[in-house]
Amino acid sequence: MSMQEVREQNIALVTQSALACFVENGIEKTTIRDIAQHAGLTERSVYRYFAGKDELVIAAVSYTHLRAHETLMNL
């Protein structure tokens, strides 16, 4: 697996983990540590891909929007 593929896989993992944590705990109560633990990564790894929680919220919303769009297109 190339480094680019690993990077893309980790970004997807962190995004999906952030979404799961936001749904479970709310955006305000979720920490980068929570997201990192859910993803099985270090906090440093999360920060490698995202500057902070604000970027993770945007990524999670974008991911959710894309999934909803794909679902609607398959109806």
PDB file of N, CA and C in Angstrom:
ATOM      1  N   MET A   1       0.840  -1.166   0.000  1.00  0.00           N
ATOM      2  CA  MET A   1       0.000   0.000   0.000  1.00  0.00           C
ATOM      3  C   MET A   1       0.896   1.243   0.000  1.00  0.00           C
ATOM      4  N   SER A   2       0.589   2.186  -0.853  1.00  0.00           N
ATOM      5  CA  SER A   2       1.412   3.388  -0.950  1.00  0.00           C
ATOM      6  C   SER A   2       1.149   4.321   0.228  1.00  0.00           C
ATOM      7  N   MET A   3       2.038   5.260   0.440  1.00  0.00           N
ATOM      8  CA  MET A   3       1.873   6.236   1.515  1.00  0.00           C
ATOM      9  C   MET A   3       0.611   7.075   1.300  1.00  0.00           C
ATOM     10  N   GLN A   4       0.298   7.385   0.045  1.00  0.00           N
ATOM     11  CA  GLN A   4      -0.910   8.157  -0.254  1.00  0.00           C
ATOM     12  C   GLN A   4      -2.164   7.363   0.117  1.00  0.00           C
ATOM     13  N   GLU A   5      -2.152   6.069  -0.153  1.00  0.00           N
ATOM     14  CA  GLU A   5      -3.296   5.217   0.206  1.00  0.00           C
ATOM     15  C   GLU A   5      -3.460   5.117   1.722  1.00  0.00           C
ATOM     16  N   VAL A   6      -2.352   5.011   2.437  1.00  0.00           N
ATOM     17  CA  VAL A   6      -2.394   4.964   3.904  1.00  0.00           C
ATOM     18  C   VAL A   6      -2.945   6.283   4.429  1.00  0.00           C
ATOM     19  N   ARG A   7      -2.490   7.385   3.863  1.00  0.00           N
ATOM     20  CA  ARG A   7      -2.966   8.710   4.274  1.00  0.00           C
ATOM     21  C   ARG A   7      -4.475   8.825   4.061  1.00  0.00           C
ATOM     22  N   GLU A   8      -4.939   8.449   2.883  1.00  0.00           N
ATOM     23  CA  GLU A   8      -6.366   8.541   2.579  1.00  0.00           C
ATOM     24  C   GLU A   8      -7.184   7.631   3.491  1.00  0.00           C
ATOM     25  N   GLN A   9      -6.676   6.451   3.766  1.00  0.00           N
ATOM     26  CA  GLN A   9      -7.359   5.507   4.649  1.00  0.00           C
ATOM     27  C   GLN A   9      -7.446   6.078   6.074  1.00  0.00           C
ATOM     28  N   ASN A  10      -6.366   6.683   6.547  1.00  0.00           N
ATOM     29  CA  ASN A  10      -6.365   7.254   7.894  1.00  0.00           C
ATOM     30  C   ASN A  10      -7.280   8.473   7.989  1.00  0.00           C
ATOM     31  N   ILE A  11      -7.327   9.291   6.953  1.00  0.00           N
ATOM     32  CA  ILE A  11      -8.233  10.441   6.947  1.00  0.00           C
ATOM     33  C   ILE A  11      -9.678   9.955   7.033  1.00  0.00           C
ATOM     34  N   ALA A  12     -10.015   8.931   6.273  1.00  0.00           N
ATOM     35  CA  ALA A  12     -11.372   8.374   6.316  1.00  0.00           C
ATOM     36  C   ALA A  12     -11.667   7.796   7.699  1.00  0.00           C
ATOM     37  N   LEU A  13     -10.715   7.089   8.274  1.00  0.00           N
ATOM     38  CA  LEU A  13     -10.885   6.504   9.600  1.00  0.00           C
ATOM     39  C   LEU A  13     -11.121   7.583  10.654  1.00  0.00           C
ATOM     40  N   VAL A  14     -10.325   8.631  10.624  1.00  0.00           N
ATOM     41  CA  VAL A  14     -10.467   9.715  11.601  1.00  0.00           C
ATOM     42  C   VAL A  14     -11.797  10.428  11.406  1.00  0.00           C
ATOM     43  N   THR A  15     -12.185  10.664  10.158  1.00  0.00           N
ATOM     44  CA  THR A  15     -13.450  11.333   9.874  1.00  0.00           C
ATOM     45  C   THR A  15     -14.626  10.521  10.388  1.00  0.00           C
ATOM     46  N   GLN A  16     -14.618   9.237  10.122  1.00  0.00           N
ATOM     47  CA  GLN A  16     -15.711   8.369  10.575  1.00  0.00           C
ATOM     48  C   GLN A  16     -15.711   8.240  12.099  1.00  0.00           C
ATOM     49  N   SER A  17     -14.550   8.203  12.694  1.00  0.00           N
ATOM     50  CA  SER A  17     -14.461   8.151  14.159  1.00  0.00           C
ATOM     51  C   SER A  17     -14.970   9.446  14.780  1.00  0.00           C
ATOM     52  N   ALA A  18     -14.631  10.562  14.168  1.00  0.00           N
ATOM     53  CA  ALA A  18     -15.121  11.850  14.663  1.00  0.00           C
ATOM     54  C   ALA A  18     -16.638  11.890  14.596  1.00  0.00           C
ATOM     55  N   LEU A  19     -17.198  11.462  13.486  1.00  0.00           N
ATOM     56  CA  LEU A  19     -18.656  11.445  13.339  1.00  0.00           C
ATOM     57  C   LEU A  19     -19.295  10.586  14.424  1.00  0.00           C
ATOM     58  N   ALA A  20     -18.751   9.408  14.654  1.00  0.00           N
ATOM     59  CA  ALA A  20     -19.301   8.516  15.677  1.00  0.00           C
ATOM     60  C   ALA A  20     -19.232   9.167  17.061  1.00  0.00           C
ATOM     61  N   CYS A  21     -18.130   9.818  17.367  1.00  0.00           N
ATOM     62  CA  CYS A  21     -17.983  10.479  18.666  1.00  0.00           C
ATOM     63  C   CYS A  21     -18.927  11.674  18.786  1.00  0.00           C
ATOM     64  N   PHE A  22     -19.081  12.441  17.715  1.00  0.00           N
ATOM     65  CA  PHE A  22     -19.989  13.586  17.737  1.00  0.00           C
ATOM     66  C   PHE A  22     -21.425  13.130  17.971  1.00  0.00           C
ATOM     67  N   VAL A  23     -21.815  12.049  17.330  1.00  0.00           N
ATOM     68  CA  VAL A  23     -23.177  11.530  17.499  1.00  0.00           C
ATOM     69  C   VAL A  23     -23.377  11.022  18.932  1.00  0.00           C
ATOM     70  N   GLU A  24     -22.377  10.344  19.454  1.00  0.00           N
ATOM     71  CA  GLU A  24     -22.499   9.746  20.788  1.00  0.00           C
ATOM     72  C   GLU A  24     -22.427  10.790  21.903  1.00  0.00           C
ATOM     73  N   ASN A  25     -21.492  11.732  21.798  1.00  0.00           N
ATOM     74  CA  ASN A  25     -21.215  12.651  22.906  1.00  0.00           C
ATOM     75  C   ASN A  25     -21.578  14.104  22.637  1.00  0.00           C
ATOM     76  N   GLY A  26     -21.869  14.435  21.385  1.00  0.00           N
ATOM     77  CA  GLY A  26     -22.067  15.834  21.016  1.00  0.00           C
ATOM     78  C   GLY A  26     -20.746  16.461  20.620  1.00  0.00           C
ATOM     79  N   ILE A  27     -20.832  17.493  19.819  1.00  0.00           N
ATOM     80  CA  ILE A  27     -19.610  18.139  19.322  1.00  0.00           C
ATOM     81  C   ILE A  27     -18.839  18.797  20.462  1.00  0.00           C
ATOM     82  N   GLU A  28     -19.539  19.515  21.320  1.00  0.00           N
ATOM     83  CA  GLU A  28     -18.866  20.248  22.402  1.00  0.00           C
ATOM     84  C   GLU A  28     -18.100  19.332  23.353  1.00  0.00           C
ATOM     85  N   LYS A  29     -18.668  18.191  23.678  1.00  0.00           N
ATOM     86  CA  LYS A  29     -18.051  17.297  24.670  1.00  0.00           C
ATOM     87  C   LYS A  29     -16.989  16.381  24.079  1.00  0.00           C
ATOM     88  N   THR A  30     -16.961  16.244  22.765  1.00  0.00           N
ATOM     89  CA  THR A  30     -15.978  15.365  22.122  1.00  0.00           C
ATOM     90  C   THR A  30     -14.617  16.053  22.062  1.00  0.00           C
ATOM     91  N   THR A  31     -13.586  15.318  22.420  1.00  0.00           N
ATOM     92  CA  THR A  31     -12.222  15.843  22.362  1.00  0.00           C
ATOM     93  C   THR A  31     -11.434  15.132  21.253  1.00  0.00           C
ATOM     94  N   ILE A  32     -10.338  15.724  20.890  1.00  0.00           N
ATOM     95  CA  ILE A  32      -9.445  15.078  19.914  1.00  0.00           C
ATOM     96  C   ILE A  32      -8.965  13.743  20.481  1.00  0.00           C
ATOM     97  N   ARG A  33      -8.750  13.687  21.774  1.00  0.00           N
ATOM     98  CA  ARG A  33      -8.331  12.433  22.423  1.00  0.00           C
ATOM     99  C   ARG A  33      -9.394  11.357  22.232  1.00  0.00           C
ATOM    100  N   ASP A  34     -10.680  11.723  22.396  1.00  0.00           N
ATOM    101  CA  ASP A  34     -11.774  10.772  22.189  1.00  0.00           C
ATOM    102  C   ASP A  34     -11.735  10.210  20.770  1.00  0.00           C
ATOM    103  N   ILE A  35     -11.577  11.102  19.816  1.00  0.00           N
ATOM    104  CA  ILE A  35     -11.562  10.705  18.406  1.00  0.00           C
ATOM    105  C   ILE A  35     -10.369   9.797  18.122  1.00  0.00           C
ATOM    106  N   ALA A  36      -9.209  10.171  18.637  1.00  0.00           N
ATOM    107  CA  ALA A  36      -7.999   9.366  18.434  1.00  0.00           C
ATOM    108  C   ALA A  36      -8.172   7.968  19.025  1.00  0.00           C
ATOM    109  N   GLN A  37      -8.709   7.890  20.237  1.00  0.00           N
ATOM    110  CA  GLN A  37      -8.918   6.584  20.866  1.00  0.00           C
ATOM    111  C   GLN A  37      -9.905   5.748  20.072  1.00  0.00           C
ATOM    112  N   HIS A  38     -10.978   6.353  19.599  1.00  0.00           N
ATOM    113  CA  HIS A  38     -11.970   5.628  18.806  1.00  0.00           C
ATOM    114  C   HIS A  38     -11.339   5.080  17.526  1.00  0.00           C
ATOM    115  N   ALA A  39     -10.444   5.862  16.921  1.00  0.00           N
ATOM    116  CA  ALA A  39      -9.790   5.462  15.672  1.00  0.00           C
ATOM    117  C   ALA A  39      -8.614   4.512  15.901  1.00  0.00           C
ATOM    118  N   GLY A  40      -8.165   4.393  17.147  1.00  0.00           N
ATOM    119  CA  GLY A  40      -7.002   3.557  17.430  1.00  0.00           C
ATOM    120  C   GLY A  40      -5.697   4.213  17.015  1.00  0.00           C
ATOM    121  N   LEU A  41      -5.697   5.545  17.032  1.00  0.00           N
ATOM    122  CA  LEU A  41      -4.511   6.318  16.652  1.00  0.00           C
ATOM    123  C   LEU A  41      -4.103   7.220  17.809  1.00  0.00           C
ATOM    124  N   THR A  42      -2.979   7.882  17.658  1.00  0.00           N
ATOM    125  CA  THR A  42      -2.555   8.864  18.649  1.00  0.00           C
ATOM    126  C   THR A  42      -3.168  10.224  18.313  1.00  0.00           C
ATOM    127  N   GLU A  43      -3.204  11.112  19.306  1.00  0.00           N
ATOM    128  CA  GLU A  43      -3.678  12.470  19.052  1.00  0.00           C
ATOM    129  C   GLU A  43      -2.801  13.143  17.994  1.00  0.00           C
ATOM    130  N   ARG A  44      -1.528  12.890  18.073  1.00  0.00           N
ATOM    131  CA  ARG A  44      -0.596  13.478  17.101  1.00  0.00           C
ATOM    132  C   ARG A  44      -0.966  13.068  15.674  1.00  0.00           C
ATOM    133  N   SER A  45      -1.381  11.812  15.501  1.00  0.00           N
ATOM    134  CA  SER A  45      -1.788  11.341  14.176  1.00  0.00           C
ATOM    135  C   SER A  45      -3.027  12.081  13.689  1.00  0.00           C
ATOM    136  N   VAL A  46      -3.974  12.322  14.592  1.00  0.00           N
ATOM    137  CA  VAL A  46      -5.176  13.070  14.205  1.00  0.00           C
ATOM    138  C   VAL A  46      -4.781  14.461  13.741  1.00  0.00           C
ATOM    139  N   TYR A  47      -3.897  15.118  14.504  1.00  0.00           N
ATOM    140  CA  TYR A  47      -3.453  16.459  14.129  1.00  0.00           C
ATOM    141  C   TYR A  47      -2.619  16.474  12.847  1.00  0.00           C
ATOM    142  N   ARG A  48      -2.069  15.336  12.473  1.00  0.00           N
ATOM    143  CA  ARG A  48      -1.332  15.253  11.217  1.00  0.00           C
ATOM    144  C   ARG A  48      -2.274  15.476  10.027  1.00  0.00           C
ATOM    145  N   TYR A  49      -3.524  15.056  10.203  1.00  0.00           N
ATOM    146  CA  TYR A  49      -4.492  15.128   9.111  1.00  0.00           C
ATOM    147  C   TYR A  49      -5.468  16.296   9.241  1.00  0.00           C
ATOM    148  N   PHE A  50      -5.716  16.754  10.455  1.00  0.00           N
ATOM    149  CA  PHE A  50      -6.686  17.822  10.700  1.00  0.00           C
ATOM    150  C   PHE A  50      -6.098  18.809  11.703  1.00  0.00           C
ATOM    151  N   ALA A  51      -6.275  20.108  11.432  1.00  0.00           N
ATOM    152  CA  ALA A  51      -5.714  21.148  12.299  1.00  0.00           C
ATOM    153  C   ALA A  51      -6.418  21.222  13.644  1.00  0.00           C
ATOM    154  N   GLY A  52      -7.665  20.797  13.695  1.00  0.00           N
ATOM    155  CA  GLY A  52      -8.395  20.859  14.947  1.00  0.00           C
ATOM    156  C   GLY A  52      -9.803  20.326  14.795  1.00  0.00           C
ATOM    157  N   LYS A  53     -10.570  20.473  15.858  1.00  0.00           N
ATOM    158  CA  LYS A  53     -11.917  19.926  15.883  1.00  0.00           C
ATOM    159  C   LYS A  53     -12.817  20.598  14.848  1.00  0.00           C
ATOM    160  N   ASP A  54     -12.620  21.884  14.595  1.00  0.00           N
ATOM    161  CA  ASP A  54     -13.432  22.575  13.588  1.00  0.00           C
ATOM    162  C   ASP A  54     -13.325  21.886  12.223  1.00  0.00           C
ATOM    163  N   GLU A  55     -12.116  21.537  11.827  1.00  0.00           N
ATOM    164  CA  GLU A  55     -11.926  20.842  10.548  1.00  0.00           C
ATOM    165  C   GLU A  55     -12.571  19.462  10.572  1.00  0.00           C
ATOM    166  N   LEU A  56     -12.543  18.809  11.707  1.00  0.00           N
ATOM    167  CA  LEU A  56     -13.167  17.491  11.824  1.00  0.00           C
ATOM    168  C   LEU A  56     -14.686  17.582  11.727  1.00  0.00           C
ATOM    169  N   VAL A  57     -15.264  18.633  12.283  1.00  0.00           N
ATOM    170  CA  VAL A  57     -16.713  18.829  12.167  1.00  0.00           C
ATOM    171  C   VAL A  57     -17.078  19.003  10.696  1.00  0.00           C
ATOM    172  N   ILE A  58     -16.333  19.818   9.987  1.00  0.00           N
ATOM    173  CA  ILE A  58     -16.596  20.039   8.558  1.00  0.00           C
ATOM    174  C   ILE A  58     -16.435  18.740   7.781  1.00  0.00           C
ATOM    175  N   ALA A  59     -15.389  17.982   8.072  1.00  0.00           N
ATOM    176  CA  ALA A  59     -15.168  16.710   7.383  1.00  0.00           C
ATOM    177  C   ALA A  59     -16.298  15.727   7.667  1.00  0.00           C
ATOM    178  N   ALA A  60     -16.768  15.677   8.919  1.00  0.00           N
ATOM    179  CA  ALA A  60     -17.845  14.754   9.283  1.00  0.00           C
ATOM    180  C   ALA A  60     -19.145  15.138   8.594  1.00  0.00           C
ATOM    181  N   VAL A  61     -19.435  16.432   8.527  1.00  0.00           N
ATOM    182  CA  VAL A  61     -20.642  16.895   7.835  1.00  0.00           C
ATOM    183  C   VAL A  61     -20.543  16.591   6.341  1.00  0.00           C
ATOM    184  N   SER A  62     -19.391  16.824   5.756  1.00  0.00           N
ATOM    185  CA  SER A  62     -19.193  16.536   4.333  1.00  0.00           C
ATOM    186  C   SER A  62     -19.359  15.049   4.050  1.00  0.00           C
ATOM    187  N   TYR A  63     -18.804  14.218   4.918  1.00  0.00           N
ATOM    188  CA  TYR A  63     -18.922  12.769   4.773  1.00  0.00           C
ATOM    189  C   TYR A  63     -20.391  12.353   4.843  1.00  0.00           C
ATOM    190  N   THR A  64     -21.121  12.907   5.813  1.00  0.00           N
ATOM    191  CA  THR A  64     -22.539  12.589   5.965  1.00  0.00           C
ATOM    192  C   THR A  64     -23.332  13.031   4.744  1.00  0.00           C
ATOM    193  N   HIS A  65     -23.030  14.209   4.243  1.00  0.00           N
ATOM    194  CA  HIS A  65     -23.715  14.725   3.048  1.00  0.00           C
ATOM    195  C   HIS A  65     -23.455  13.813   1.843  1.00  0.00           C
ATOM    196  N   LEU A  66     -22.208  13.407   1.661  1.00  0.00           N
ATOM    197  CA  LEU A  66     -21.855  12.531   0.547  1.00  0.00           C
ATOM    198  C   LEU A  66     -22.581  11.194   0.648  1.00  0.00           C
ATOM    199  N   ARG A  67     -22.609  10.628   1.845  1.00  0.00           N
ATOM    200  CA  ARG A  67     -23.316   9.351   2.038  1.00  0.00           C
ATOM    201  C   ARG A  67     -24.807   9.485   1.760  1.00  0.00           C
ATOM    202  N   ALA A  68     -25.424  10.580   2.203  1.00  0.00           N
ATOM    203  CA  ALA A  68     -26.851  10.802   1.947  1.00  0.00           C
ATOM    204  C   ALA A  68     -27.105  10.955   0.461  1.00  0.00           C
ATOM    205  N   HIS A  69     -26.241  11.652  -0.224  1.00  0.00           N
ATOM    206  CA  HIS A  69     -26.370  11.834  -1.670  1.00  0.00           C
ATOM    207  C   HIS A  69     -26.271  10.499  -2.387  1.00  0.00           C
ATOM    208  N   GLU A  70     -25.309   9.677  -2.012  1.00  0.00           N
ATOM    209  CA  GLU A  70     -25.138   8.367  -2.633  1.00  0.00           C
ATOM    210  C   GLU A  70     -26.368   7.499  -2.393  1.00  0.00           C
ATOM    211  N   THR A  71     -26.921   7.571  -1.194  1.00  0.00           N
ATOM    212  CA  THR A  71     -28.112   6.785  -0.878  1.00  0.00           C
ATOM    213  C   THR A  71     -29.283   7.228  -1.736  1.00  0.00           C
ATOM    214  N   LEU A  72     -29.483   8.510  -1.873  1.00  0.00           N
ATOM    215  CA  LEU A  72     -30.586   9.025  -2.684  1.00  0.00           C
ATOM    216  C   LEU A  72     -30.429   8.674  -4.156  1.00  0.00           C
ATOM    217  N   MET A  73     -29.201   8.673  -4.628  1.00  0.00           N
ATOM    218  CA  MET A  73     -28.963   8.353  -6.043  1.00  0.00           C
ATOM    219  C   MET A  73     -29.229   6.881  -6.341  1.00  0.00           C
ATOM    220  N   ASN A  74     -29.179   6.055  -5.320  1.00  0.00           N
ATOM    221  CA  ASN A  74     -29.392   4.617  -5.500  1.00  0.00           C
ATOM    222  C   ASN A  74     -30.846   4.181  -5.268  1.00  0.00           C
ATOM    223  N   LEU A  75     -31.730   5.136  -5.024  1.00  0.00           N
ATOM    224  CA  LEU A  75     -33.145   4.788  -4.814  1.00  0.00           C
ATOM    225  C   LEU A  75     -33.838   4.510  -6.113  1.00  0.00           C
TER     226      LEU A  75
END
